[in-house]
Structure formats: C-alpha cells, structure tokens
Amino acid sequence: WRYTRAGKRTTGNGFISFIALVSMSGIALGVAALIVVLSVMNG
C-alpha cells in the first residue's frame, strides 16, 4: 500500500505512484465507458 500511494521520502516514488494513478484512471475509464455503452444499448 505504501508503494501505491505517493511519497516524498523515497527517490522516484512520486513518479511511480503517478504511473499507478494513470493505470487506475485507465481501468476506471474503460469500466465506466463499457457500463454506459451497454446501458444505452439495453435502453
């Protein structure tokens, strides 16, 4: 969990956590888009 969140004590950890945030955002956007599109098609 410490590696997942941004920290300033360890060199480079902030960048690694930024990449993790981008990965989270990509998964979230993909899941949200799939739910919205299927909901509209069901409608």
All heavy atoms as atom14 arrays in JSON, in Angstrom:
{
  "sequence": "WRYTRAGKRTTGNGFISFIALVSMSGIALGVAALIVVLSVMNG",
  "atom14_mask": [
    [1, 1, 1, 1, 1, 1, 1, 1, 1, 1, 1, 1, 1, 1],
    [1, 1, 1, 1, 1, 1, 1, 1, 1, 1, 1, 0, 0, 0],
    [1, 1, 1, 1, 1, 1, 1, 1, 1, 1, 1, 1, 0, 0],
    [1, 1, 1, 1, 1, 1, 1, 0, 0, 0, 0, 0, 0, 0],
    [1, 1, 1, 1, 1, 1, 1, 1, 1, 1, 1, 0, 0, 0],
    [1, 1, 1, 1, 1, 0, 0, 0, 0, 0, 0, 0, 0, 0],
    [1, 1, 1, 1, 0, 0, 0, 0, 0, 0, 0, 0, 0, 0],
    [1, 1, 1, 1, 1, 1, 1, 1, 1, 0, 0, 0, 0, 0],
    [1, 1, 1, 1, 1, 1, 1, 1, 1, 1, 1, 0, 0, 0],
    [1, 1, 1, 1, 1, 1, 1, 0, 0, 0, 0, 0, 0, 0],
    [1, 1, 1, 1, 1, 1, 1, 0, 0, 0, 0, 0, 0, 0],
    [1, 1, 1, 1, 0, 0, 0, 0, 0, 0, 0, 0, 0, 0],
    [1, 1, 1, 1, 1, 1, 1, 1, 0, 0, 0, 0, 0, 0],
    [1, 1, 1, 1, 0, 0, 0, 0, 0, 0, 0, 0, 0, 0],
    [1, 1, 1, 1, 1, 1, 1, 1, 1, 1, 1, 0, 0, 0],
    [1, 1, 1, 1, 1, 1, 1, 1, 0, 0, 0, 0, 0, 0],
    [1, 1, 1, 1, 1, 1, 0, 0, 0, 0, 0, 0, 0, 0],
    [1, 1, 1, 1, 1, 1, 1, 1, 1, 1, 1, 0, 0, 0],
    [1, 1, 1, 1, 1, 1, 1, 1, 0, 0, 0, 0, 0, 0],
    [1, 1, 1, 1, 1, 0, 0, 0, 0, 0, 0, 0, 0, 0],
    [1, 1, 1, 1, 1, 1, 1, 1, 0, 0, 0, 0, 0, 0],
    [1, 1, 1, 1, 1, 1, 1, 0, 0, 0, 0, 0, 0, 0],
    [1, 1, 1, 1, 1, 1, 0, 0, 0, 0, 0, 0, 0, 0],
    [1, 1, 1, 1, 1, 1, 1, 1, 0, 0, 0, 0, 0, 0],
    [1, 1, 1, 1, 1, 1, 0, 0, 0, 0, 0, 0, 0, 0],
    [1, 1, 1, 1, 0, 0, 0, 0, 0, 0, 0, 0, 0, 0],
    [1, 1, 1, 1, 1, 1, 1, 1, 0, 0, 0, 0, 0, 0],
    [1, 1, 1, 1, 1, 0, 0, 0, 0, 0, 0, 0, 0, 0],
    [1, 1, 1, 1, 1, 1, 1, 1, 0, 0, 0, 0, 0, 0],
    [1, 1, 1, 1, 0, 0, 0, 0, 0, 0, 0, 0, 0, 0],
    [1, 1, 1, 1, 1, 1, 1, 0, 0, 0, 0, 0, 0, 0],
    [1, 1, 1, 1, 1, 0, 0, 0, 0, 0, 0, 0, 0, 0],
    [1, 1, 1, 1, 1, 0, 0, 0, 0, 0, 0, 0, 0, 0],
    [1, 1, 1, 1, 1, 1, 1, 1, 0, 0, 0, 0, 0, 0],
    [1, 1, 1, 1, 1, 1, 1, 1, 0, 0, 0, 0, 0, 0],
    [1, 1, 1, 1, 1, 1, 1, 0, 0, 0, 0, 0, 0, 0],
    [1, 1, 1, 1, 1, 1, 1, 0, 0, 0, 0, 0, 0, 0],
    [1, 1, 1, 1, 1, 1, 1, 1, 0, 0, 0, 0, 0, 0],
    [1, 1, 1, 1, 1, 1, 0, 0, 0, 0, 0, 0, 0, 0],
    [1, 1, 1, 1, 1, 1, 1, 0, 0, 0, 0, 0, 0, 0],
    [1, 1, 1, 1, 1, 1, 1, 1, 0, 0, 0, 0, 0, 0],
    [1, 1, 1, 1, 1, 1, 1, 1, 0, 0, 0, 0, 0, 0],
    [1, 1, 1, 1, 0, 0, 0, 0, 0, 0, 0, 0, 0, 0]
  ],
  "atom14_positions": [
    [[0.83, -1.21, 0.0], [0.0, 0.0, 0.0], [0.86, 1.26, 0.0], [0.51, 2.26, -0.61], [-0.92, -0.01, 1.23], [-1.99, -1.06, 1.14], [-2.47, -1.64, 0.02], [-2.67, -1.65, 2.24], [-3.42, -2.57, 0.33], [-3.59, -2.61, 1.68], [-2.63, -1.51, 3.62], [-4.42, -3.38, 2.47], [-3.48, -2.27, 4.4], [-4.37, -3.2, 3.84]],
    [[2.02, 1.22, 0.69], [2.9, 2.39, 0.73], [3.48, 2.67, -0.65], [3.63, 3.82, -1.04], [4.03, 2.16, 1.74], [4.94, 3.37, 1.91], [5.93, 3.14, 3.0], [6.79, 4.31, 3.17], [7.77, 4.4, 4.06], [8.01, 3.38, 4.87], [8.5, 5.49, 4.15], [0.0, 0.0, 0.0], [0.0, 0.0, 0.0], [0.0, 0.0, 0.0]],
    [[3.8, 1.61, -1.4], [4.3, 1.8, -2.75], [3.22, 2.36, -3.68], [3.53, 3.02, -4.68], [4.82, 0.48, -3.32], [6.14, 0.02, -2.74], [6.63, -1.25, -3.02], [6.89, 0.85, -1.92], [7.85, -1.69, -2.49], [8.1, 0.43, -1.38], [8.56, -0.84, -1.67], [9.76, -1.28, -1.14], [0.0, 0.0, 0.0], [0.0, 0.0, 0.0]],
    [[1.98, 2.08, -3.37], [0.88, 2.54, -4.23], [0.66, 4.04, -4.11], [0.45, 4.73, -5.12], [-0.43, 1.81, -3.87], [-0.22, 0.4, -3.97], [-1.54, 2.21, -4.81], [0.0, 0.0, 0.0], [0.0, 0.0, 0.0], [0.0, 0.0, 0.0], [0.0, 0.0, 0.0], [0.0, 0.0, 0.0], [0.0, 0.0, 0.0], [0.0, 0.0, 0.0]],
    [[0.7, 4.57, -2.88], [0.45, 6.0, -2.71], [1.74, 6.78, -2.85], [2.83, 6.28, -2.61], [-0.21, 6.27, -1.35], [0.64, 5.93, -0.15], [-0.11, 6.26, 1.13], [0.73, 6.07, 2.3], [0.81, 4.96, 3.0], [0.08, 3.9, 2.63], [1.6, 4.88, 4.06], [0.0, 0.0, 0.0], [0.0, 0.0, 0.0], [0.0, 0.0, 0.0]],
    [[1.59, 8.05, -3.21], [2.74, 8.92, -3.44], [3.47, 9.2, -2.14], [2.87, 9.38, -1.09], [2.3, 10.23, -4.09], [0.0, 0.0, 0.0], [0.0, 0.0, 0.0], [0.0, 0.0, 0.0], [0.0, 0.0, 0.0], [0.0, 0.0, 0.0], [0.0, 0.0, 0.0], [0.0, 0.0, 0.0], [0.0, 0.0, 0.0], [0.0, 0.0, 0.0]],
    [[4.77, 9.24, -2.21], [5.58, 9.58, -1.04], [6.79, 10.38, -1.45], [7.27, 10.28, -2.57], [0.0, 0.0, 0.0], [0.0, 0.0, 0.0], [0.0, 0.0, 0.0], [0.0, 0.0, 0.0], [0.0, 0.0, 0.0], [0.0, 0.0, 0.0], [0.0, 0.0, 0.0], [0.0, 0.0, 0.0], [0.0, 0.0, 0.0], [0.0, 0.0, 0.0]],
    [[7.32, 11.18, -0.55], [8.43, 12.08, -0.86], [9.75, 11.61, -0.25], [10.79, 12.18, -0.52], [8.12, 13.48, -0.34], [6.9, 14.11, -0.99], [6.64, 15.5, -0.46], [5.42, 16.12, -1.11], [5.15, 17.49, -0.6], [0.0, 0.0, 0.0], [0.0, 0.0, 0.0], [0.0, 0.0, 0.0], [0.0, 0.0, 0.0], [0.0, 0.0, 0.0]],
    [[9.7, 10.58, 0.57], [10.92, 10.16, 1.24], [11.83, 9.35, 0.33], [13.04, 9.41, 0.44], [10.57, 9.31, 2.47], [9.83, 10.1, 3.53], [9.56, 9.23, 4.74], [8.82, 9.96, 5.76], [8.45, 9.43, 6.92], [8.73, 8.17, 7.19], [7.79, 10.16, 7.79], [0.0, 0.0, 0.0], [0.0, 0.0, 0.0], [0.0, 0.0, 0.0]],
    [[11.21, 8.57, -0.58], [11.99, 7.69, -1.43], [12.09, 8.27, -2.83], [11.1, 8.71, -3.41], [11.35, 6.3, -1.5], [11.13, 5.84, -0.18], [12.25, 5.32, -2.23], [0.0, 0.0, 0.0], [0.0, 0.0, 0.0], [0.0, 0.0, 0.0], [0.0, 0.0, 0.0], [0.0, 0.0, 0.0], [0.0, 0.0, 0.0], [0.0, 0.0, 0.0]],
    [[13.28, 8.28, -3.36], [13.51, 8.86, -4.68], [12.73, 8.11, -5.75], [12.79, 6.89, -5.83], [15.02, 8.8, -5.02], [15.75, 9.43, -3.99], [15.29, 9.48, -6.36], [0.0, 0.0, 0.0], [0.0, 0.0, 0.0], [0.0, 0.0, 0.0], [0.0, 0.0, 0.0], [0.0, 0.0, 0.0], [0.0, 0.0, 0.0], [0.0, 0.0, 0.0]],
    [[12.02, 8.86, -6.57], [11.28, 8.26, -7.68], [9.93, 7.7, -7.31], [9.18, 7.3, -8.19], [0.0, 0.0, 0.0], [0.0, 0.0, 0.0], [0.0, 0.0, 0.0], [0.0, 0.0, 0.0], [0.0, 0.0, 0.0], [0.0, 0.0, 0.0], [0.0, 0.0, 0.0], [0.0, 0.0, 0.0], [0.0, 0.0, 0.0], [0.0, 0.0, 0.0]],
    [[9.6, 7.64, -6.02], [8.34, 7.03, -5.64], [7.15, 7.83, -6.12], [6.1, 7.29, -6.43], [8.29, 6.84, -4.12], [7.17, 5.9, -3.69], [6.99, 4.87, -4.32], [6.48, 6.25, -2.65], [0.0, 0.0, 0.0], [0.0, 0.0, 0.0], [0.0, 0.0, 0.0], [0.0, 0.0, 0.0], [0.0, 0.0, 0.0], [0.0, 0.0, 0.0]],
    [[7.31, 9.16, -6.17], [6.23, 10.0, -6.66], [5.89, 9.71, -8.1], [4.74, 9.63, -8.5], [0.0, 0.0, 0.0], [0.0, 0.0, 0.0], [0.0, 0.0, 0.0], [0.0, 0.0, 0.0], [0.0, 0.0, 0.0], [0.0, 0.0, 0.0], [0.0, 0.0, 0.0], [0.0, 0.0, 0.0], [0.0, 0.0, 0.0], [0.0, 0.0, 0.0]],
    [[6.91, 9.47, -8.94], [6.67, 9.16, -10.34], [6.0, 7.8, -10.49], [5.1, 7.63, -11.29], [8.01, 9.19, -11.09], [7.87, 8.84, -12.55], [7.24, 9.69, -13.43], [8.38, 7.64, -13.03], [7.1, 9.36, -14.76], [8.25, 7.31, -14.36], [7.61, 8.17, -15.23], [0.0, 0.0, 0.0], [0.0, 0.0, 0.0], [0.0, 0.0, 0.0]],
    [[6.5, 6.84, -9.68], [5.9, 5.51, -9.74], [4.43, 5.58, -9.36], [3.57, 4.96, -9.99], [6.65, 4.53, -8.81], [8.1, 4.37, -9.26], [5.96, 3.18, -8.77], [8.28, 3.79, -10.63], [0.0, 0.0, 0.0], [0.0, 0.0, 0.0], [0.0, 0.0, 0.0], [0.0, 0.0, 0.0], [0.0, 0.0, 0.0], [0.0, 0.0, 0.0]],
    [[4.11, 6.37, -8.33], [2.73, 6.49, -7.9], [1.88, 7.22, -8.94], [0.7, 6.98, -9.08], [2.65, 7.21, -6.56], [3.32, 6.46, -5.57], [0.0, 0.0, 0.0], [0.0, 0.0, 0.0], [0.0, 0.0, 0.0], [0.0, 0.0, 0.0], [0.0, 0.0, 0.0], [0.0, 0.0, 0.0], [0.0, 0.0, 0.0], [0.0, 0.0, 0.0]],
    [[2.5, 8.14, -9.69], [1.79, 8.81, -10.78], [1.42, 7.8, -11.87], [0.31, 7.82, -12.4], [2.66, 9.93, -11.36], [2.07, 10.56, -12.6], [1.0, 11.44, -12.51], [2.58, 10.24, -13.85], [0.46, 12.01, -13.64], [2.03, 10.8, -14.99], [0.97, 11.69, -14.89], [0.0, 0.0, 0.0], [0.0, 0.0, 0.0], [0.0, 0.0, 0.0]],
    [[2.35, 6.92, -12.19], [2.05, 5.87, -13.17], [0.93, 4.97, -12.65], [0.04, 4.55, -13.39], [3.3, 5.04, -13.48], [4.37, 5.92, -14.13], [2.97, 3.87, -14.38], [3.97, 6.48, -15.47], [0.0, 0.0, 0.0], [0.0, 0.0, 0.0], [0.0, 0.0, 0.0], [0.0, 0.0, 0.0], [0.0, 0.0, 0.0], [0.0, 0.0, 0.0]],
    [[0.95, 4.67, -11.33], [-0.12, 3.87, -10.74], [-1.46, 4.59, -10.86], [-2.5, 3.97, -11.15], [0.19, 3.56, -9.29], [0.0, 0.0, 0.0], [0.0, 0.0, 0.0], [0.0, 0.0, 0.0], [0.0, 0.0, 0.0], [0.0, 0.0, 0.0], [0.0, 0.0, 0.0], [0.0, 0.0, 0.0], [0.0, 0.0, 0.0], [0.0, 0.0, 0.0]],
    [[-1.45, 5.91, -10.68], [-2.68, 6.7, -10.81], [-3.2, 6.67, -12.25], [-4.41, 6.57, -12.48], [-2.41, 8.14, -10.37], [-3.61, 9.11, -10.44], [-4.73, 8.64, -9.52], [-3.18, 10.53, -10.09], [0.0, 0.0, 0.0], [0.0, 0.0, 0.0], [0.0, 0.0, 0.0], [0.0, 0.0, 0.0], [0.0, 0.0, 0.0], [0.0, 0.0, 0.0]],
    [[-2.28, 6.73, -13.2], [-2.68, 6.65, -14.6], [-3.31, 5.29, -14.89], [-4.32, 5.18, -15.6], [-1.47, 6.9, -15.52], [-1.83, 6.61, -16.97], [-1.0, 8.34, -15.39], [0.0, 0.0, 0.0], [0.0, 0.0, 0.0], [0.0, 0.0, 0.0], [0.0, 0.0, 0.0], [0.0, 0.0, 0.0], [0.0, 0.0, 0.0], [0.0, 0.0, 0.0]],
    [[-2.73, 4.22, -14.33], [-3.29, 2.88, -14.52], [-4.69, 2.79, -13.91], [-5.6, 2.22, -14.52], [-2.37, 1.84, -13.89], [-1.1, 1.86, -14.49], [0.0, 0.0, 0.0], [0.0, 0.0, 0.0], [0.0, 0.0, 0.0], [0.0, 0.0, 0.0], [0.0, 0.0, 0.0], [0.0, 0.0, 0.0], [0.0, 0.0, 0.0], [0.0, 0.0, 0.0]],
    [[-4.85, 3.34, -12.71], [-6.18, 3.37, -12.08], [-7.18, 4.1, -12.96], [-8.31, 3.64, -13.18], [-6.11, 4.06, -10.73], [-5.47, 3.28, -9.61], [-5.57, 4.23, -8.07], [-4.49, 3.26, -7.03], [0.0, 0.0, 0.0], [0.0, 0.0, 0.0], [0.0, 0.0, 0.0], [0.0, 0.0, 0.0], [0.0, 0.0, 0.0], [0.0, 0.0, 0.0]],
    [[-6.76, 5.27, -13.48], [-7.66, 6.07, -14.3], [-8.04, 5.34, -15.58], [-9.19, 5.39, -16.02], [-7.0, 7.41, -14.64], [-6.66, 8.12, -13.46], [0.0, 0.0, 0.0], [0.0, 0.0, 0.0], [0.0, 0.0, 0.0], [0.0, 0.0, 0.0], [0.0, 0.0, 0.0], [0.0, 0.0, 0.0], [0.0, 0.0, 0.0], [0.0, 0.0, 0.0]],
    [[-7.06, 4.65, -16.19], [-7.36, 3.9, -17.41], [-8.37, 2.79, -17.17], [-9.31, 2.61, -17.96], [0.0, 0.0, 0.0], [0.0, 0.0, 0.0], [0.0, 0.0, 0.0], [0.0, 0.0, 0.0], [0.0, 0.0, 0.0], [0.0, 0.0, 0.0], [0.0, 0.0, 0.0], [0.0, 0.0, 0.0], [0.0, 0.0, 0.0], [0.0, 0.0, 0.0]],
    [[-8.19, 2.05, -16.08], [-9.15, 0.99, -15.75], [-10.52, 1.59, -15.45], [-11.55, 1.08, -15.92], [-8.64, 0.17, -14.55], [-7.36, -0.58, -14.92], [-9.7, -0.81, -14.06], [-6.69, -1.27, -13.75], [0.0, 0.0, 0.0], [0.0, 0.0, 0.0], [0.0, 0.0, 0.0], [0.0, 0.0, 0.0], [0.0, 0.0, 0.0], [0.0, 0.0, 0.0]],
    [[-10.55, 2.68, -14.69], [-11.83, 3.31, -14.33], [-12.56, 3.81, -15.57], [-13.78, 3.61, -15.71], [-11.58, 4.45, -13.35], [0.0, 0.0, 0.0], [0.0, 0.0, 0.0], [0.0, 0.0, 0.0], [0.0, 0.0, 0.0], [0.0, 0.0, 0.0], [0.0, 0.0, 0.0], [0.0, 0.0, 0.0], [0.0, 0.0, 0.0], [0.0, 0.0, 0.0]],
    [[-11.84, 4.47, -16.48], [-12.49, 4.99, -17.69], [-13.0, 3.85, -18.57], [-14.1, 3.94, -19.14], [-11.51, 5.87, -18.47], [-11.19, 7.23, -17.85], [-10.13, 7.95, -18.66], [-12.45, 8.09, -17.77], [0.0, 0.0, 0.0], [0.0, 0.0, 0.0], [0.0, 0.0, 0.0], [0.0, 0.0, 0.0], [0.0, 0.0, 0.0], [0.0, 0.0, 0.0]],
    [[-12.21, 2.78, -18.7], [-12.66, 1.65, -19.5], [-13.9, 1.0, -18.93], [-14.85, 0.7, -19.67], [0.0, 0.0, 0.0], [0.0, 0.0, 0.0], [0.0, 0.0, 0.0], [0.0, 0.0, 0.0], [0.0, 0.0, 0.0], [0.0, 0.0, 0.0], [0.0, 0.0, 0.0], [0.0, 0.0, 0.0], [0.0, 0.0, 0.0], [0.0, 0.0, 0.0]],
    [[-13.93, 0.8, -17.62], [-15.09, 0.19, -16.97], [-16.32, 1.1, -17.1], [-17.42, 0.64, -17.43], [-14.79, -0.11, -15.49], [-16.05, -0.51, -14.74], [-13.74, -1.22, -15.38], [0.0, 0.0, 0.0], [0.0, 0.0, 0.0], [0.0, 0.0, 0.0], [0.0, 0.0, 0.0], [0.0, 0.0, 0.0], [0.0, 0.0, 0.0], [0.0, 0.0, 0.0]],
    [[-16.12, 2.4, -16.86], [-17.25, 3.34, -16.95], [-17.8, 3.4, -18.38], [-19.02, 3.4, -18.58], [-16.8, 4.73, -16.49], [0.0, 0.0, 0.0], [0.0, 0.0, 0.0], [0.0, 0.0, 0.0], [0.0, 0.0, 0.0], [0.0, 0.0, 0.0], [0.0, 0.0, 0.0], [0.0, 0.0, 0.0], [0.0, 0.0, 0.0], [0.0, 0.0, 0.0]],
    [[-16.9, 3.45, -19.37], [-17.36, 3.5, -20.77], [-18.14, 2.26, -21.14], [-19.18, 2.33, -21.81], [-16.15, 3.68, -21.7], [0.0, 0.0, 0.0], [0.0, 0.0, 0.0], [0.0, 0.0, 0.0], [0.0, 0.0, 0.0], [0.0, 0.0, 0.0], [0.0, 0.0, 0.0], [0.0, 0.0, 0.0], [0.0, 0.0, 0.0], [0.0, 0.0, 0.0]],
    [[-17.66, 1.1, -20.7], [-18.35, -0.15, -21.02], [-19.73, -0.2, -20.38], [-20.71, -0.62, -21.01], [-17.5, -1.33, -20.55], [-17.94, -2.74, -20.94], [-18.19, -2.83, -22.44], [-16.89, -3.76, -20.53], [0.0, 0.0, 0.0], [0.0, 0.0, 0.0], [0.0, 0.0, 0.0], [0.0, 0.0, 0.0], [0.0, 0.0, 0.0], [0.0, 0.0, 0.0]],
    [[-19.84, 0.25, -19.13], [-21.14, 0.25, -18.45], [-22.11, 1.21, -19.13], [-23.28, 0.87, -19.37], [-20.95, 0.63, -16.96], [-20.24, -0.5, -16.21], [-22.3, 0.93, -16.3], [-19.91, -0.17, -14.77], [0.0, 0.0, 0.0], [0.0, 0.0, 0.0], [0.0, 0.0, 0.0], [0.0, 0.0, 0.0], [0.0, 0.0, 0.0], [0.0, 0.0, 0.0]],
    [[-21.64, 2.41, -19.49], [-22.52, 3.4, -20.11], [-23.0, 2.92, -21.48], [-24.19, 3.01, -21.81], [-21.79, 4.76, -20.22], [-22.61, 5.74, -21.06], [-21.55, 5.35, -18.84], [0.0, 0.0, 0.0], [0.0, 0.0, 0.0], [0.0, 0.0, 0.0], [0.0, 0.0, 0.0], [0.0, 0.0, 0.0], [0.0, 0.0, 0.0], [0.0, 0.0, 0.0]],
    [[-22.07, 2.39, -22.29], [-22.45, 1.95, -23.65], [-23.44, 0.8, -23.58], [-24.46, 0.8, -24.29], [-21.19, 1.55, -24.44], [-21.58, 0.86, -25.74], [-20.34, 2.77, -24.75], [0.0, 0.0, 0.0], [0.0, 0.0, 0.0], [0.0, 0.0, 0.0], [0.0, 0.0, 0.0], [0.0, 0.0, 0.0], [0.0, 0.0, 0.0], [0.0, 0.0, 0.0]],
    [[-23.19, -0.19, -22.74], [-24.12, -1.31, -22.63], [-25.46, -0.87, -22.07], [-26.51, -1.4, -22.46], [-23.51, -2.41, -21.76], [-22.37, -3.22, -22.38], [-21.95, -4.34, -21.46], [-22.76, -3.79, -23.73], [0.0, 0.0, 0.0], [0.0, 0.0, 0.0], [0.0, 0.0, 0.0], [0.0, 0.0, 0.0], [0.0, 0.0, 0.0], [0.0, 0.0, 0.0]],
    [[-25.46, 0.1, -21.15], [-26.72, 0.6, -20.6], [-27.55, 1.28, -21.67], [-28.77, 1.1, -21.74], [-26.44, 1.56, -19.44], [-25.79, 0.91, -18.38], [0.0, 0.0, 0.0], [0.0, 0.0, 0.0], [0.0, 0.0, 0.0], [0.0, 0.0, 0.0], [0.0, 0.0, 0.0], [0.0, 0.0, 0.0], [0.0, 0.0, 0.0], [0.0, 0.0, 0.0]],
    [[-26.89, 2.08, -22.52], [-27.62, 2.75, -23.6], [-28.15, 1.73, -24.61], [-29.29, 1.83, -25.08], [-26.7, 3.78, -24.29], [-27.37, 4.34, -25.55], [-26.38, 4.92, -23.33], [0.0, 0.0, 0.0], [0.0, 0.0, 0.0], [0.0, 0.0, 0.0], [0.0, 0.0, 0.0], [0.0, 0.0, 0.0], [0.0, 0.0, 0.0], [0.0, 0.0, 0.0]],
    [[-27.33, 0.72, -24.93], [-27.8, -0.32, -25.86], [-28.96, -1.1, -25.26], [-29.93, -1.43, -25.97], [-26.64, -1.26, -26.2], [-25.52, -0.6, -27.0], [-24.24, -1.76, -27.5], [-25.11, -2.69, -28.73], [0.0, 0.0, 0.0], [0.0, 0.0, 0.0], [0.0, 0.0, 0.0], [0.0, 0.0, 0.0], [0.0, 0.0, 0.0], [0.0, 0.0, 0.0]],
    [[-28.89, -1.39, -23.97], [-30.02, -2.05, -23.3], [-31.25, -1.17, -23.33], [-32.38, -1.66, -23.49], [-29.65, -2.39, -21.86], [-28.63, -3.5, -21.75], [-28.55, -4.36, -22.62], [-27.84, -3.49, -20.7], [0.0, 0.0, 0.0], [0.0, 0.0, 0.0], [0.0, 0.0, 0.0], [0.0, 0.0, 0.0], [0.0, 0.0, 0.0], [0.0, 0.0, 0.0]],
    [[-31.06, 0.14, -23.17], [-32.19, 1.07, -23.21], [-32.86, 1.1, -24.56], [-34.1, 1.09, -24.66], [0.0, 0.0, 0.0], [0.0, 0.0, 0.0], [0.0, 0.0, 0.0], [0.0, 0.0, 0.0], [0.0, 0.0, 0.0], [0.0, 0.0, 0.0], [0.0, 0.0, 0.0], [0.0, 0.0, 0.0], [0.0, 0.0, 0.0], [0.0, 0.0, 0.0]]
  ]
}
